[in-house]
Protein backbone atom coordinates (compact mmCIF):
# COMPACT_ATOMS: atom_id res chain seq x y z
CA MET A 1 188.48 115.42 88.36
CA ASP A 2 187.33 111.78 88.42
CA ARG A 3 185.15 110.16 85.79
CA LEU A 4 181.82 110.59 87.64
CA GLU A 5 182.51 114.25 88.38
CA ALA A 6 183.32 114.79 84.71
CA MET A 7 180.02 113.15 83.74
CA HIS A 8 178.13 115.37 86.20
CA LEU A 9 179.76 118.46 84.76
CA PHE A 10 179.07 117.42 81.17
CA VAL A 11 175.40 116.72 81.92
CA ARG A 12 174.99 120.12 83.57
CA VAL A 13 176.63 121.92 80.64
CA ALA A 14 174.44 120.00 78.18
CA GLU A 15 171.27 120.87 80.14
CA LEU A 16 172.05 124.56 80.52
CA GLY A 17 173.72 124.96 77.12
CA SER A 18 176.36 127.32 78.52
CA PHE A 19 179.78 127.06 80.15
CA SER A 20 179.19 130.42 81.86
CA ALA A 21 175.85 129.40 83.37
CA VAL A 22 177.35 126.22 84.84
CA ALA A 23 180.37 128.11 86.15
CA LEU A 24 178.05 130.61 87.84
CA GLN A 25 175.92 127.89 89.47
CA LEU A 26 178.95 125.95 90.72
CA GLY A 27 181.02 128.98 91.75
CA LEU A 28 183.83 128.12 89.33
CA ALA A 29 185.76 130.11 86.76
CA ARG A 30 184.41 129.62 83.25
CA SER A 31 187.88 128.54 82.12
CA VAL A 32 187.82 125.67 84.63
CA VAL A 33 184.56 124.31 83.19
CA THR A 34 185.86 124.70 79.62
CA ARG A 35 189.09 122.86 80.43
CA GLN A 36 187.29 120.00 82.15
CA ILE A 37 185.00 119.42 79.16
CA ALA A 38 187.98 119.62 76.81
CA ALA A 39 189.83 117.05 78.95
CA LEU A 40 186.79 114.76 78.86
CA GLU A 41 186.61 115.02 75.05
CA ALA A 42 190.34 114.29 74.83
CA HIS A 43 189.94 111.22 77.02
CA LEU A 44 187.03 109.94 74.90
CA GLY A 45 188.66 110.89 71.62
CA VAL A 46 185.48 112.50 70.24
CA LYS A 47 183.93 115.96 70.08
CA LEU A 48 180.92 116.10 72.42
CA MET A 49 179.68 119.63 71.72
CA VAL A 50 180.20 122.51 69.32
CA ARG A 51 179.63 126.20 69.81
CA SER A 52 176.97 128.06 67.82
CA THR A 53 176.39 131.80 67.85
CA ARG A 54 174.24 131.74 70.99
CA ARG A 55 174.70 128.44 72.80
CA LEU A 56 176.38 125.09 72.78
CA ALA A 57 175.02 122.25 70.68
CA LEU A 58 175.67 118.55 71.19
CA THR A 59 177.21 116.46 68.46
CA SER A 60 175.67 113.08 67.68
CA ALA A 61 178.34 111.48 69.87
CA GLY A 62 177.56 114.02 72.60
CA THR A 63 173.84 113.23 72.47
CA ALA A 64 174.49 109.49 72.81
CA TYR A 65 177.03 110.06 75.60
CA LEU A 66 174.58 112.35 77.45
CA GLU A 67 171.91 109.64 77.65
CA LYS A 68 174.42 107.08 78.89
CA CYS A 69 175.77 109.53 81.47
CA ARG A 70 172.27 110.12 82.80
CA VAL A 71 171.64 106.39 83.15
CA ILE A 72 174.97 105.82 84.92
CA LEU A 73 174.60 108.78 87.27
CA ASN A 74 171.04 107.78 88.13
CA LEU A 75 172.16 104.26 88.96
CA VAL A 76 175.04 105.50 91.12
CA GLU A 77 172.86 107.99 92.98
CA SER A 78 170.09 105.45 93.45
CA ALA A 79 172.50 102.81 94.74
CA GLU A 80 174.11 105.20 97.22
CA THR A 81 170.75 106.51 98.39
CA ASP A 82 169.25 103.06 98.89
CA VAL A 83 172.18 102.06 101.10
CA ALA A 84 172.27 105.24 103.16
CA GLU A 85 168.66 106.37 103.26
CA GLU A 86 167.44 104.21 106.11
CA ARG A 87 170.07 105.44 108.55
CA LEU A 88 170.60 109.00 107.39
CA THR A 89 168.74 112.07 108.53
CA PRO A 90 167.80 114.27 105.55
CA ARG A 91 170.48 116.90 105.06
CA GLY A 92 171.65 119.37 102.47
CA ASN A 93 170.06 122.40 100.81
CA ILE A 94 166.79 122.65 98.89
CA ARG A 95 165.95 125.57 96.62
CA ILE A 96 162.17 125.74 96.33
CA SER A 97 159.99 128.04 94.23
CA LEU A 98 156.54 128.83 95.65
CA PRO A 99 153.44 130.61 94.34
CA LEU A 100 152.94 133.87 96.21
CA SER A 101 149.48 133.73 97.80
CA PHE A 102 149.26 129.96 98.33
CA GLY A 103 152.89 129.89 99.39
CA LEU A 104 152.37 132.47 102.12
CA LYS A 105 148.99 131.18 103.32
CA ARG A 106 149.44 127.42 103.28
CA LEU A 107 153.02 126.45 102.47
CA ALA A 108 155.05 128.83 104.64
CA PRO A 109 153.75 127.35 107.93
CA LEU A 110 154.43 123.83 106.66
CA LEU A 111 157.93 124.74 105.52
CA LEU A 112 158.76 126.29 108.87
CA ASP A 113 157.50 123.12 110.60
CA PHE A 114 159.63 121.07 108.22
CA SER A 115 162.67 123.19 109.03
CA GLN A 116 162.20 122.58 112.75
CA ARG A 117 161.75 118.86 112.26
CA TYR A 118 164.77 118.51 109.93
CA PRO A 119 167.38 121.00 111.17
CA GLU A 120 170.07 119.63 108.86
CA VAL A 121 168.13 120.65 105.74
CA GLY A 122 168.61 124.20 104.51
CA LEU A 123 165.70 125.86 102.70
CA GLU A 124 166.00 128.67 100.16
CA MET A 125 162.44 129.82 99.43
CA ASP A 126 161.51 131.98 96.43
CA TYR A 127 157.94 133.34 96.57
CA SER A 128 156.77 134.40 93.12
CA ASP A 129 153.97 133.66 90.65
CA ARG A 130 156.31 133.64 87.67
CA ARG A 131 156.96 130.35 85.88
CA VAL A 132 160.52 129.41 86.83
CA LYS A 133 162.93 127.41 84.69
CA LEU A 134 163.99 124.74 87.12
CA ILE A 135 167.15 123.49 85.45
CA GLU A 136 168.41 126.87 84.29
CA GLU A 137 167.82 128.48 87.69
CA GLY A 138 169.07 125.59 89.79
CA ILE A 139 165.69 125.01 91.48
CA ASP A 140 165.29 121.65 93.22
CA LEU A 141 161.52 121.82 93.63
CA SER A 142 158.74 124.11 92.46
CA ILE A 143 155.12 124.16 93.64
CA ARG A 144 152.71 124.96 90.81
CA ILE A 145 148.93 125.35 90.88
CA THR A 146 147.41 124.61 87.49
CA ARG A 147 144.59 122.84 85.66
CA ARG A 148 146.96 121.07 83.28
CA LEU A 149 150.59 120.14 82.99
CA ASP A 150 152.75 120.62 79.92
CA PRO A 151 154.16 117.65 77.97
CA GLY A 152 157.44 116.59 79.51
CA ASP A 153 156.71 118.05 82.96
CA VAL A 154 157.99 115.89 85.81
CA ALA A 155 155.51 116.33 88.63
CA ARG A 156 153.80 114.76 91.62
CA LYS A 157 150.30 115.89 92.61
CA ILE A 158 150.30 116.82 96.29
CA GLY A 159 146.92 118.48 96.63
CA SER A 160 144.04 120.23 94.91
CA SER A 161 142.12 123.49 95.13
CA ARG A 162 138.57 124.48 94.22
CA MET A 163 137.73 127.70 92.39
CA GLN A 164 134.97 129.93 93.78
CA VAL A 165 133.09 132.85 92.26
CA ILE A 166 132.69 135.47 94.96
CA ALA A 167 131.20 138.89 95.64
CA SER A 168 130.35 141.04 98.63
CA PRO A 169 126.84 141.12 100.12
CA ASP A 170 126.78 144.86 99.34
CA TYR A 171 127.56 144.31 95.65
CA LEU A 172 124.91 141.61 95.35
CA ALA A 173 122.34 143.83 97.07
CA ARG A 174 123.04 146.65 94.63
CA HIS A 175 123.45 144.68 91.40
CA GLY A 176 121.62 141.40 91.97
CA ARG A 177 122.87 137.83 92.33
CA PRO A 178 123.76 136.02 89.09
CA ARG A 179 121.86 132.73 88.76
CA HIS A 180 123.65 131.47 85.65
CA PRO A 181 127.21 132.04 84.33
CA SER A 182 125.79 133.76 81.24
CA GLU A 183 124.58 136.59 83.50
CA LEU A 184 128.19 137.52 84.35
CA ALA A 185 128.33 139.43 81.06
CA HIS A 186 126.11 142.07 82.69
CA HIS A 187 128.26 142.43 85.82
CA GLU A 188 131.52 144.12 86.76
CA CYS A 189 134.09 141.33 87.02
CA LEU A 190 137.59 141.47 88.47
CA GLY A 191 140.14 139.76 86.22
CA TYR A 192 143.18 137.70 87.15
CA THR A 193 145.92 138.46 84.61
CA ALA A 194 148.79 136.12 85.54
CA GLY A 195 149.49 133.58 82.82
CA GLY A 196 147.54 135.32 80.09
CA GLY A 197 144.51 136.73 81.89
CA SER A 198 141.67 135.14 79.94
CA LEU A 199 138.51 137.23 79.45
CA ALA A 200 136.42 134.05 79.68
CA TRP A 201 135.63 131.97 82.74
CA GLN A 202 134.85 128.27 82.45
CA PHE A 203 132.00 126.45 84.18
CA LEU A 204 130.43 123.02 84.08
CA VAL A 205 126.91 123.44 82.72
CA ALA A 206 124.80 120.27 82.49
CA GLY A 207 128.02 118.25 82.65
CA GLN A 208 129.70 120.13 79.80
CA LEU A 209 132.54 122.61 80.19
CA GLU A 210 131.52 125.99 78.74
CA SER A 211 133.29 129.36 78.52
CA PHE A 212 131.61 132.65 79.33
CA VAL A 213 133.02 136.05 78.41
CA VAL A 214 133.34 138.52 81.30
CA HIS A 215 134.14 142.24 81.35
CA SER A 216 136.67 143.61 83.81
CA ARG A 217 137.65 147.17 84.58
CA ILE A 218 139.97 146.17 87.43
CA ASN A 219 142.61 143.52 86.74
CA ALA A 220 145.57 142.21 88.72
CA ASN A 221 148.05 139.36 88.75
CA ASN A 222 147.39 138.69 92.44
CA GLY A 223 144.30 137.00 93.81
CA ASP A 224 144.50 138.62 97.24
CA VAL A 225 144.14 142.07 95.70
CA LEU A 226 141.15 140.98 93.63
CA THR A 227 139.48 139.33 96.62
CA GLU A 228 139.89 142.50 98.66
CA ALA A 229 138.40 144.48 95.75
CA ALA A 230 135.43 142.11 95.72
CA ALA A 231 135.05 142.46 99.49
CA GLN A 232 134.88 146.23 99.02
CA GLY A 233 131.97 145.82 96.61
CA LEU A 234 133.87 146.61 93.41
CA GLY A 235 132.77 143.52 91.50
CA ILE A 236 132.75 139.74 91.15
CA THR A 237 135.92 137.70 91.02
CA CYS A 238 136.86 134.05 90.66
CA GLN A 239 139.55 132.82 93.05
CA PRO A 240 140.86 129.56 94.56
CA ASP A 241 139.37 128.57 97.90
CA PHE A 242 142.53 129.17 99.93
CA ILE A 243 142.42 132.91 99.19
CA GLY A 244 138.85 133.51 100.32
CA GLU A 245 138.91 131.59 103.62
CA SER A 246 139.33 134.55 105.99
CA TYR A 247 136.90 136.71 103.97
CA PHE A 248 134.18 134.05 104.21
CA ALA A 249 134.78 133.72 107.94
CA SER A 250 134.25 137.46 108.45
CA GLY A 251 131.21 137.57 106.16
CA ARG A 252 132.81 140.07 103.76
CA ILE A 253 132.20 137.86 100.70
CA GLU A 254 129.72 135.22 99.58
CA ALA A 255 130.04 132.38 97.09
CA ILE A 256 127.78 132.55 94.04
CA LEU A 257 127.04 130.25 91.08
CA GLU A 258 127.76 127.22 93.26
CA ASP A 259 125.56 125.04 91.05
CA PHE A 260 128.06 125.57 88.21
CA PRO A 261 131.48 124.30 89.39
CA GLN A 262 134.73 125.21 87.69
CA PRO A 263 137.50 122.74 86.82
CA GLU A 264 139.62 121.74 89.81
CA LEU A 265 143.12 123.13 90.19
CA GLY A 266 145.87 120.62 90.89
CA ILE A 267 148.70 121.46 93.28
CA TYR A 268 151.88 119.91 91.93
CA ALA A 269 155.44 119.45 93.11
CA MET A 270 157.50 120.04 89.97
CA LEU A 271 160.95 118.47 89.58
CA PRO A 272 163.73 119.59 87.23
CA SER A 273 164.08 116.15 85.62
CA ASN A 274 163.11 112.52 85.98
CA ARG A 275 166.51 111.65 87.39
CA HIS A 276 166.74 110.13 90.85
CA VAL A 277 165.17 112.54 93.35
CA PRO A 278 167.41 113.35 96.36
CA HIS A 279 166.22 111.91 99.65
CA ARG A 280 165.77 115.35 101.25
CA VAL A 281 163.52 116.48 98.36
CA ARG A 282 161.37 113.35 98.56
CA VAL A 283 161.00 113.81 102.32
CA LEU A 284 159.90 117.41 101.75
CA MET A 285 157.35 116.39 99.09
CA ASP A 286 155.91 113.76 101.43
CA PHE A 287 155.74 116.32 104.24
CA LEU A 288 153.94 118.91 102.10
CA ALA A 289 151.49 116.34 100.71
CA ALA A 290 150.60 115.18 104.23
CA GLY A 291 150.24 118.77 105.44
CA LEU A 292 147.99 119.79 102.56
CA ALA A 293 145.76 116.77 103.17
CA GLU A 294 144.87 118.24 106.57
CA PRO A 295 142.21 120.99 106.80
CA ALA A 296 143.56 124.53 106.90
CA ILE A 297 143.34 126.08 110.36
C-alpha cells in the first residue's frame, strides 16, 4: 500500500472509530485493515491510536497526523479534479439518502433524468425519513428538509418549501374555519411525529414567531397519511406544500390561516465532510438545485 492509500485508510478508521466498520465498507478482512494501520505506525515511529473498551481513540500524535492527512488528501484530490474535470464525463457511484415523501414526489423524477443524462454515474437511492449518519453509513449525499441546521453540518441549500395548514371543505363546514392560530386548540389536529412530534405549531403573528398548542388524536410520521386523513375530514394538519399539491388540485383540501405564515423549510444537500466534493456529487447537486428551481408539474 502506498503512502496516500495508507493516509486514506487511516482517515477512514479515525472517522468511523472502528477497524471492523472500515473493513466492512471497503470489503476487506479486518486483519488487513489492522495490519495496514500497524505498518503505518511502524513507518512513522509513533502510536496513532489506542483501543478503548468500545472504540478506537486517537493519540495526540494521531490527532495531529489526521489533520495533516486531511489537508494533503484534499489538495491531491482537488489538484487531480481540477486537471481532469473539464474533459471528463461524471462517472462513479453515488449513495444518496432521500426523505420519503419529497423524495418520491419531487426528487425521484429528477434523479431518473440525471441517470439518463449521465449514464456513467451509478445511483444508490435510500428513501427514508430517518436521520442518517453520513460518514458511518458511507453516504455521499443526503437531502434534508429542515428549518435549521446543526452546528458542524456541511450543507448547500438547494431549495425551499412552504408549510400550509390544511383541512377538507367538509371538516370546515362541520366545525368552522379557524381565523386565528389560537383557535386550533378547539379543533381536532393531525400530528406529525417524525423528529419529536411537537404538540405546538409555530406561526408568525404580527411579525413575531409564536407557538400554539394543538391536540391530536391521530398522529403519524408520514405527511401523506396525515394529508389523506385531512382530506377525509378527520381534522386539520400542517404539511409542506409539495405534499398537498394534488389534493388542492382536486379540491379535497383547502388552505387555512394563510394570514399567519409558518417558518420556511430549507431543502439542503448534506455532505459527509468539508473535504473536496467529488465532481459527480457536485454535478448532481447542481442538477437537483436547477430542477427544484423549476415549478413542479
